[in-house]
Amino acid sequence: MNKLILLIVCYLSPCLLLAQTPTDTANVKVDTTGQRDLIDIGSGILKLKKRPYNPDKKQIYFSILPISTSVPGGSAVLVTSTTAGFYLGNRKTTYLSSVTFAPYFNFKGRYGLPLHSSIWSPDNTYNVQGDTRFLVYPQYTWGLGGKRAEADKILVNFNYIRFYQSVLKRIKPYFYVGVGYNLDYYFSVNTNNSNPYTTLKDFTGYQYGTTEGNSFSSGLTLNAVYDTRQNSINPIPGIYASFIYRHNAGFMGSDNNAQSLYLDFRKYIALGKSGKKKNVLAMWSYYWTTISDGTPFLSLPGIGNDPYQRSGRGIEQNRYRGENLLYFEAEYRRDLTENGLFGFVIFTNFNSASEPNTHRFAYINPAAGGGLRIKFNKRSDTNVAIDYGFSKGYNGLIIGLGEAF
């Protein structure tokens, strides 16, 4: 009970801070005078003529990382991660839009083509969010609950198509409401033949979407977002909260009728005196739950399976899965140099997956780590992030573009 109370307090802490007066980040002027990034260094080495910076002109700010290890599931990968940041309206009244494309191949039969986008119309009147993926994705699963032994894992092979799109309209400053459509299609699902369990159902005792073959989910979502961040790639002090209710329906082609709820809260707090050197405490928590039977096993709440697959640094993806999942993470972010070229982070996170029979949150699973930041593009404030995370029985290096949250 004490563990559960501690986890709930951690989860709710960013929510309690929503009561504070929000920072008017839409009108914060980001001063890059005297700042340095890898583009500056590359231009100097190659003696390239720099394009004059005009804050009133619409430009696209690209960041490209040829090699990365940020693909969920770990192991060596080859990936080209490209992030584009741009403003569709006056940057004093419009948030930074972003599109990320990161095709990858991990030399163990896993490859994917994921595309994420968040587009802000002029004056933030609309926000259009997209998540499209095609994956060939063999991965381990440990079944349901928060205390399955490492040796219990089995390999599950599957191909996956995801198509998520939502459109939100501003109702009042910072607050948006809208609807969306979500499609998940798992096909060619099978377990490794060397394991005594022939199907996921044998291994998990879970009846939905655990027989070999295909699993199809299709449904509408109701979305609400409260967002005072100017830049989602690297948030300055502000607040983010989202609510996603999903209803998979048979008349839309789903194998089962199923409902789920995803609540996400984030808070970014500036520490010390304001200045050019970043000094921020960031907190993130989410609660992800199924509120009816019928959710396929591979779509159940699992660590590292959040919408952007960024949770659980230091924990192997999918290590903990249940019909309900609680998560909390805190990260300290600090610039090392006055010009913003180098910085560092220290983070810790906790998660708890509900047990399959009692639905109780019986176990808390922690992880921790730290990382280096190198500014790639100061205009979009995009960093190369090099993180090392560890937990009981696992550790890993994560290299990618942008902050985890």
Protein backbone atom coordinates (compact mmCIF):
# COMPACT_ATOMS: atom_id res chain seq x y z
CA MET A 1 0.00 0.00 0.00
CA ASN A 2 2.86 2.42 0.84
CA LYS A 3 4.39 1.74 -2.59
CA LEU A 4 1.10 2.49 -4.30
CA ILE A 5 0.63 5.74 -2.36
CA LEU A 6 4.17 6.83 -3.26
CA LEU A 7 3.60 6.11 -6.94
CA ILE A 8 0.27 7.95 -7.02
CA VAL A 9 1.86 11.00 -5.35
CA CYS A 10 4.64 10.95 -7.97
CA TYR A 11 2.07 10.65 -10.74
CA LEU A 12 -0.08 13.49 -9.48
CA SER A 13 2.72 15.95 -8.66
CA PRO A 14 2.81 17.58 -12.12
CA CYS A 15 -0.98 17.72 -12.10
CA LEU A 16 -1.01 19.67 -8.84
CA LEU A 17 1.22 22.27 -10.46
CA LEU A 18 -1.44 22.95 -13.09
CA ALA A 19 -3.03 25.26 -10.56
CA GLN A 20 -0.16 27.70 -10.97
CA THR A 21 -0.47 30.62 -13.39
CA PRO A 22 0.80 29.34 -16.75
CA THR A 23 3.83 30.86 -18.37
CA ASP A 24 2.83 32.82 -21.48
CA THR A 25 5.30 30.90 -23.61
CA ALA A 26 3.69 31.96 -26.87
CA ASN A 27 5.11 35.42 -26.30
CA VAL A 28 8.51 34.40 -24.99
CA LYS A 29 11.27 35.69 -27.24
CA VAL A 30 13.96 33.07 -27.76
CA ASP A 31 17.27 34.92 -28.06
CA THR A 32 19.93 32.94 -29.92
CA THR A 33 22.48 35.78 -29.95
CA GLY A 34 25.86 34.37 -28.97
CA GLN A 35 24.58 30.80 -29.13
CA ARG A 36 26.47 28.07 -31.01
CA ASP A 37 25.39 24.83 -32.62
CA LEU A 38 26.83 22.07 -34.81
CA ILE A 39 25.64 23.90 -37.91
CA ASP A 40 27.80 26.91 -36.93
CA ILE A 41 30.81 24.65 -36.37
CA GLY A 42 30.30 22.79 -39.67
CA SER A 43 29.86 26.04 -41.58
CA GLY A 44 33.08 27.36 -40.09
CA ILE A 45 35.08 24.25 -40.95
CA LEU A 46 33.76 24.11 -44.52
CA LYS A 47 33.85 27.92 -44.84
CA LEU A 48 30.25 28.05 -45.98
CA LYS A 49 28.40 31.33 -46.28
CA LYS A 50 25.77 31.49 -43.57
CA ARG A 51 22.23 32.37 -44.53
CA PRO A 52 21.09 35.57 -42.80
CA TYR A 53 18.64 34.87 -39.99
CA ASN A 54 15.31 36.65 -40.34
CA PRO A 55 12.84 35.86 -37.51
CA ASP A 56 9.95 37.19 -39.59
CA LYS A 57 10.64 34.90 -42.56
CA LYS A 58 9.19 31.38 -42.68
CA GLN A 59 12.04 28.89 -42.62
CA ILE A 60 12.45 25.16 -41.97
CA TYR A 61 15.05 24.18 -39.39
CA PHE A 62 16.42 20.71 -40.15
CA SER A 63 18.32 18.45 -37.77
CA ILE A 64 19.78 15.18 -39.09
CA LEU A 65 21.47 12.36 -37.20
CA PRO A 66 22.89 9.61 -39.49
CA ILE A 67 23.39 6.98 -36.75
CA SER A 68 21.28 6.48 -33.66
CA THR A 69 20.34 3.94 -30.99
CA SER A 70 17.04 5.56 -30.08
CA VAL A 71 14.98 2.76 -31.64
CA PRO A 72 12.85 1.12 -28.92
CA GLY A 73 13.98 -2.37 -28.02
CA GLY A 74 17.71 -1.67 -28.01
CA SER A 75 20.61 -3.35 -29.85
CA ALA A 76 22.76 -1.83 -32.56
CA VAL A 77 20.82 0.01 -35.22
CA LEU A 78 21.32 1.97 -38.38
CA VAL A 79 18.93 4.89 -38.54
CA THR A 80 18.66 8.27 -40.17
CA SER A 81 16.74 10.49 -37.80
CA THR A 82 15.52 13.73 -39.36
CA THR A 83 13.60 16.43 -37.49
CA ALA A 84 12.15 19.50 -39.18
CA GLY A 85 10.92 22.44 -37.13
CA PHE A 86 9.02 25.34 -38.69
CA TYR A 87 6.52 28.12 -37.96
CA LEU A 88 3.36 28.43 -40.05
CA GLY A 89 2.53 31.82 -38.57
CA ASN A 90 3.97 34.68 -36.54
CA ARG A 91 6.28 33.05 -34.01
CA LYS A 92 5.03 35.42 -31.33
CA THR A 93 1.58 33.83 -31.53
CA THR A 94 2.28 30.43 -33.12
CA TYR A 95 4.00 27.37 -31.68
CA LEU A 96 6.80 25.55 -33.47
CA SER A 97 5.50 22.74 -35.71
CA SER A 98 7.61 19.60 -36.01
CA VAL A 99 7.91 16.54 -38.24
CA THR A 100 10.21 13.62 -37.39
CA PHE A 101 11.09 10.78 -39.76
CA ALA A 102 13.41 8.05 -38.47
CA PRO A 103 13.70 4.93 -40.67
CA TYR A 104 15.82 2.25 -38.99
CA PHE A 105 17.26 -1.24 -39.23
CA ASN A 106 18.77 -3.04 -36.24
CA PHE A 107 20.64 -5.97 -37.90
CA LYS A 108 18.39 -8.47 -36.09
CA GLY A 109 15.45 -8.50 -38.48
CA ARG A 110 13.76 -5.39 -37.08
CA TYR A 111 13.16 -2.39 -39.29
CA GLY A 112 10.65 0.40 -39.45
CA LEU A 113 9.42 3.57 -41.12
CA PRO A 114 7.94 5.84 -38.42
CA LEU A 115 6.67 9.36 -39.13
CA HIS A 116 5.51 11.69 -36.33
CA SER A 117 4.08 15.18 -36.79
CA SER A 118 2.56 18.01 -34.78
CA ILE A 119 1.40 20.92 -36.92
CA TRP A 120 0.26 24.26 -35.48
CA SER A 121 -1.78 26.53 -37.73
CA PRO A 122 -1.25 30.33 -37.64
CA ASP A 123 -2.06 31.81 -34.22
CA ASN A 124 -2.44 28.24 -32.84
CA THR A 125 -6.04 28.00 -34.03
CA TYR A 126 -5.65 24.29 -34.87
CA ASN A 127 -3.25 21.51 -33.95
CA VAL A 128 -3.02 18.47 -36.25
CA GLN A 129 -1.21 15.45 -34.82
CA GLY A 130 -0.08 12.41 -36.78
CA ASP A 131 1.65 9.09 -36.09
CA THR A 132 2.17 6.71 -39.02
CA ARG A 133 4.35 3.58 -38.87
CA PHE A 134 5.18 0.46 -40.79
CA LEU A 135 7.26 -1.97 -38.72
CA VAL A 136 8.71 -5.44 -38.98
CA TYR A 137 9.15 -5.91 -35.29
CA PRO A 138 10.30 -9.08 -33.54
CA GLN A 139 10.42 -8.27 -29.82
CA TYR A 140 10.40 -10.00 -26.46
CA THR A 141 7.47 -10.02 -24.11
CA TRP A 142 7.34 -11.01 -20.46
CA GLY A 143 3.58 -11.34 -20.18
CA LEU A 144 1.43 -9.32 -17.80
CA GLY A 145 2.29 -7.76 -14.45
CA GLY A 146 5.21 -6.11 -12.74
CA LYS A 147 7.33 -9.02 -11.53
CA ARG A 148 7.92 -11.57 -14.25
CA ALA A 149 11.39 -13.14 -14.19
CA GLU A 150 13.85 -12.21 -16.93
CA ALA A 151 14.03 -15.86 -18.01
CA ASP A 152 10.26 -15.89 -18.64
CA LYS A 153 10.50 -13.86 -21.82
CA ILE A 154 9.51 -15.20 -25.21
CA LEU A 155 10.13 -13.77 -28.66
CA VAL A 156 7.08 -12.59 -30.59
CA ASN A 157 7.38 -11.85 -34.31
CA PHE A 158 4.92 -9.50 -35.97
CA ASN A 159 4.49 -6.86 -38.64
CA TYR A 160 2.67 -3.68 -37.73
CA ILE A 161 0.87 -0.81 -39.45
CA ARG A 162 -0.24 2.20 -37.42
CA PHE A 163 -2.25 5.18 -38.64
CA TYR A 164 -3.19 7.77 -35.98
CA GLN A 165 -4.52 11.21 -36.93
CA SER A 166 -6.26 13.83 -34.81
CA VAL A 167 -7.39 17.42 -35.28
CA LEU A 168 -7.83 19.74 -32.31
CA LYS A 169 -9.30 23.25 -32.24
CA ARG A 170 -8.45 25.95 -29.72
CA ILE A 171 -11.39 26.58 -27.38
CA LYS A 172 -9.62 29.09 -25.15
CA PRO A 173 -5.98 30.10 -24.69
CA TYR A 174 -3.80 26.97 -24.34
CA PHE A 175 -6.81 24.60 -24.34
CA TYR A 176 -7.70 22.43 -27.37
CA VAL A 177 -10.41 19.84 -28.02
CA GLY A 178 -10.82 17.56 -31.02
CA VAL A 179 -11.35 14.11 -32.46
CA GLY A 180 -9.19 11.54 -34.17
CA TYR A 181 -8.98 8.16 -35.81
CA ASN A 182 -6.65 5.34 -34.67
CA LEU A 183 -5.82 2.16 -36.57
CA ASP A 184 -3.56 -0.68 -35.37
CA TYR A 185 -2.98 -3.70 -37.59
CA TYR A 186 -0.72 -6.51 -36.35
CA PHE A 187 -0.19 -9.30 -38.84
CA SER A 188 1.95 -12.43 -39.23
CA VAL A 189 1.98 -12.71 -35.43
CA ASN A 190 3.81 -15.80 -34.11
CA THR A 191 6.10 -16.89 -31.28
CA ASN A 192 9.56 -18.41 -31.60
CA ASN A 193 9.45 -22.16 -32.20
CA SER A 194 12.20 -22.91 -29.69
CA ASN A 195 9.93 -21.87 -26.83
CA PRO A 196 7.62 -24.48 -25.27
CA TYR A 197 4.75 -22.01 -25.55
CA THR A 198 3.23 -22.21 -29.00
CA THR A 199 1.04 -19.11 -28.76
CA LEU A 200 0.87 -15.90 -26.77
CA LYS A 201 -2.34 -17.15 -25.20
CA ASP A 202 -0.52 -20.17 -23.76
CA PHE A 203 2.12 -17.89 -22.29
CA THR A 204 0.01 -15.01 -21.01
CA GLY A 205 -3.39 -16.52 -20.31
CA TYR A 206 -4.79 -13.42 -22.02
CA GLN A 207 -7.51 -14.14 -24.58
CA TYR A 208 -7.59 -11.13 -26.91
CA GLY A 209 -5.24 -10.93 -29.88
CA THR A 210 -2.97 -13.71 -28.63
CA THR A 211 -3.55 -16.42 -31.23
CA GLU A 212 -1.25 -16.65 -34.22
CA GLY A 213 -2.34 -14.60 -37.19
CA ASN A 214 -3.71 -11.07 -37.33
CA SER A 215 -5.08 -8.48 -34.90
CA PHE A 216 -6.98 -5.44 -36.14
CA SER A 217 -8.19 -2.44 -34.12
CA SER A 218 -9.96 0.60 -35.52
CA GLY A 219 -11.68 3.36 -33.62
CA LEU A 220 -12.37 6.99 -32.93
CA THR A 221 -10.73 9.11 -30.25
CA LEU A 222 -11.80 12.10 -28.21
CA ASN A 223 -8.81 14.36 -27.51
CA ALA A 224 -8.20 17.31 -25.20
CA VAL A 225 -4.89 19.13 -24.76
CA TYR A 226 -3.69 21.94 -22.49
CA ASP A 227 -0.31 23.20 -23.72
CA THR A 228 1.65 26.32 -22.79
CA ARG A 229 4.93 25.11 -24.35
CA GLN A 230 6.23 27.09 -27.28
CA ASN A 231 8.49 24.32 -28.53
CA SER A 232 7.73 20.62 -28.07
CA ILE A 233 11.17 19.59 -29.36
CA ASN A 234 12.88 21.18 -26.35
CA PRO A 235 10.27 22.73 -24.02
CA ILE A 236 10.96 25.90 -22.12
CA PRO A 237 9.15 26.30 -18.75
CA GLY A 238 5.47 25.54 -19.18
CA ILE A 239 2.76 22.92 -18.82
CA TYR A 240 1.42 20.13 -21.02
CA ALA A 241 -1.59 17.91 -20.29
CA SER A 242 -3.50 15.61 -22.61
CA PHE A 243 -6.54 13.35 -22.48
CA ILE A 244 -7.21 10.64 -25.08
CA TYR A 245 -10.29 8.44 -24.94
CA ARG A 246 -10.34 5.69 -27.57
CA HIS A 247 -13.25 3.47 -28.60
CA ASN A 248 -12.53 0.59 -30.97
CA ALA A 249 -15.77 -0.51 -32.60
CA GLY A 250 -16.83 -3.57 -34.55
CA PHE A 251 -18.64 -1.48 -37.14
CA MET A 252 -15.27 0.18 -37.94
CA GLY A 253 -13.64 -3.19 -38.55
CA SER A 254 -12.18 -3.94 -35.11
CA ASP A 255 -11.87 -7.54 -34.02
CA ASN A 256 -13.29 -6.49 -30.64
CA ASN A 257 -15.12 -3.56 -29.12
CA ALA A 258 -12.70 -2.01 -26.63
CA GLN A 259 -12.19 1.25 -24.79
CA SER A 260 -9.06 2.81 -23.32
CA LEU A 261 -7.94 6.03 -21.67
CA TYR A 262 -4.55 7.79 -21.75
CA LEU A 263 -3.81 10.73 -19.40
CA ASP A 264 -0.50 12.59 -19.76
CA PHE A 265 0.82 15.44 -17.56
CA ARG A 266 4.11 17.33 -17.87
CA LYS A 267 5.57 20.33 -16.05
CA TYR A 268 8.76 22.28 -16.80
CA ILE A 269 10.14 24.53 -14.06
CA ALA A 270 12.92 27.10 -14.50
CA LEU A 271 15.40 27.00 -11.60
CA GLY A 272 17.51 29.93 -10.45
CA LYS A 273 17.76 33.27 -12.19
CA SER A 274 16.65 33.56 -15.80
CA GLY A 275 19.43 33.71 -18.36
CA LYS A 276 20.75 32.09 -21.49
CA LYS A 277 22.00 28.98 -19.68
CA LYS A 278 19.20 26.45 -19.37
CA ASN A 279 18.48 25.26 -15.84
CA VAL A 280 15.22 23.31 -15.82
CA LEU A 281 13.47 20.60 -13.82
CA ALA A 282 11.14 18.58 -16.04
CA MET A 283 8.51 16.15 -14.76
CA TRP A 284 6.35 13.71 -16.68
CA SER A 285 3.65 11.29 -15.59
CA TYR A 286 0.99 9.29 -17.36
CA TYR A 287 -1.79 6.86 -16.56
CA TRP A 288 -2.80 4.46 -19.31
CA THR A 289 -5.70 2.11 -18.76
CA THR A 290 -8.14 -0.17 -20.52
CA ILE A 291 -11.69 0.53 -19.37
CA SER A 292 -13.32 -2.49 -21.03
CA ASP A 293 -12.39 -5.96 -22.19
CA GLY A 294 -11.24 -6.60 -25.73
CA THR A 295 -7.96 -4.69 -26.10
CA PRO A 296 -5.49 -6.90 -28.06
CA PHE A 297 -2.43 -8.00 -26.09
CA LEU A 298 0.06 -6.10 -28.25
CA SER A 299 -1.96 -2.88 -27.75
CA LEU A 300 -2.13 -3.14 -23.95
CA PRO A 301 -0.36 -0.46 -21.89
CA GLY A 302 3.34 -1.28 -21.74
CA ILE A 303 6.52 0.53 -20.78
CA GLY A 304 8.08 2.20 -23.82
CA ASN A 305 4.85 1.90 -25.82
CA ASP A 306 3.53 5.39 -25.06
CA PRO A 307 2.62 7.49 -28.12
CA TYR A 308 6.20 8.60 -28.78
CA GLN A 309 7.88 5.49 -27.31
CA ARG A 310 10.03 7.63 -25.02
CA SER A 311 9.12 6.32 -21.55
CA GLY A 312 11.24 3.95 -19.51
CA ARG A 313 14.78 4.98 -20.40
CA GLY A 314 16.99 2.35 -18.77
CA ILE A 315 14.27 -0.34 -19.02
CA GLU A 316 13.86 -2.71 -21.94
CA GLN A 317 10.80 -1.86 -24.02
CA ASN A 318 7.74 -3.94 -23.17
CA ARG A 319 9.41 -5.31 -20.01
CA TYR A 320 6.32 -4.46 -17.96
CA ARG A 321 2.82 -4.62 -19.40
CA GLY A 322 -0.65 -4.73 -17.93
CA GLU A 323 -4.23 -3.65 -18.41
CA ASN A 324 -3.25 -0.52 -16.44
CA LEU A 325 0.08 1.30 -16.25
CA LEU A 326 1.32 4.17 -14.05
CA TYR A 327 4.48 6.09 -14.94
CA PHE A 328 6.52 8.97 -13.49
CA GLU A 329 9.80 10.54 -14.62
CA ALA A 330 11.84 13.51 -13.44
CA GLU A 331 14.80 15.02 -15.27
CA TYR A 332 17.21 17.85 -14.42
CA ARG A 333 18.45 19.73 -17.51
CA ARG A 334 21.40 22.13 -17.41
CA ASP A 335 23.61 23.87 -19.96
CA LEU A 336 27.34 23.37 -19.43
CA THR A 337 28.50 26.24 -21.65
CA GLU A 338 27.29 29.82 -21.92
CA ASN A 339 26.82 29.45 -25.68
CA GLY A 340 24.42 26.52 -25.20
CA LEU A 341 26.50 24.11 -27.28
CA PHE A 342 26.91 21.53 -24.51
CA GLY A 343 24.61 20.49 -21.69
CA PHE A 344 23.74 17.52 -19.50
CA VAL A 345 20.73 15.79 -17.95
CA ILE A 346 20.14 13.50 -14.97
CA PHE A 347 16.93 11.46 -14.85
CA THR A 348 15.02 8.85 -12.90
CA ASN A 349 11.76 7.09 -13.66
CA PHE A 350 9.33 4.66 -12.05
CA ASN A 351 6.56 2.49 -13.46
CA SER A 352 3.99 0.03 -12.19
CA ALA A 353 1.91 -2.37 -14.31
CA SER A 354 -1.25 -3.89 -12.87
CA GLU A 355 -1.30 -7.58 -11.99
CA PRO A 356 -3.32 -9.83 -14.33
CA ASN A 357 -5.72 -11.28 -11.77
CA THR A 358 -6.06 -8.69 -9.01
CA HIS A 359 -5.51 -5.57 -11.20
CA ARG A 360 -3.48 -4.17 -8.26
CA PHE A 361 -0.32 -2.08 -8.64
CA ALA A 362 1.83 -4.38 -6.53
CA TYR A 363 5.36 -3.57 -7.76
CA ILE A 364 7.32 -0.40 -8.55
CA ASN A 365 10.11 -0.71 -11.12
CA PRO A 366 12.71 2.09 -11.07
CA ALA A 367 15.40 3.18 -13.52
CA ALA A 368 17.88 6.05 -13.64
CA GLY A 369 20.62 7.55 -15.75
CA GLY A 370 22.19 10.63 -17.25
CA GLY A 371 23.21 12.10 -20.54
CA LEU A 372 25.07 14.67 -22.64
CA ARG A 373 23.42 17.27 -24.85
CA ILE A 374 24.98 18.83 -27.97
CA LYS A 375 23.11 21.60 -29.74
CA PHE A 376 22.47 20.64 -33.36
CA ASN A 377 20.17 23.49 -34.41
CA LYS A 378 19.81 26.54 -32.18
CA ARG A 379 16.90 27.94 -34.23
CA SER A 380 14.64 24.99 -33.35
CA ASP A 381 16.58 24.30 -30.11
CA THR A 382 17.15 20.68 -31.21
CA ASN A 383 19.77 18.71 -29.30
CA VAL A 384 21.66 15.55 -30.05
CA ALA A 385 20.79 13.52 -26.94
CA ILE A 386 23.23 10.86 -25.70
CA ASP A 387 21.74 9.06 -22.68
CA TYR A 388 22.77 6.08 -20.58
CA GLY A 389 20.06 4.42 -18.52
CA PHE A 390 20.05 1.42 -16.20
CA SER A 391 17.72 -0.68 -14.10
CA LYS A 392 17.80 -4.09 -12.45
CA GLY A 393 19.16 -6.53 -15.00
CA TYR A 394 19.36 -4.06 -17.89
CA ASN A 395 21.30 -1.04 -19.16
CA GLY A 396 21.47 0.74 -22.46
CA LEU A 397 22.83 3.68 -24.45
CA ILE A 398 20.29 5.87 -26.24
CA ILE A 399 21.32 8.34 -28.96
CA GLY A 400 18.74 10.45 -30.74
CA LEU A 401 17.43 13.89 -31.61
CA GLY A 402 15.41 15.98 -29.18
CA GLU A 403 14.44 15.55 -25.56
CA ALA A 404 12.67 12.47 -24.22
CA PHE A 405 9.70 14.67 -23.20
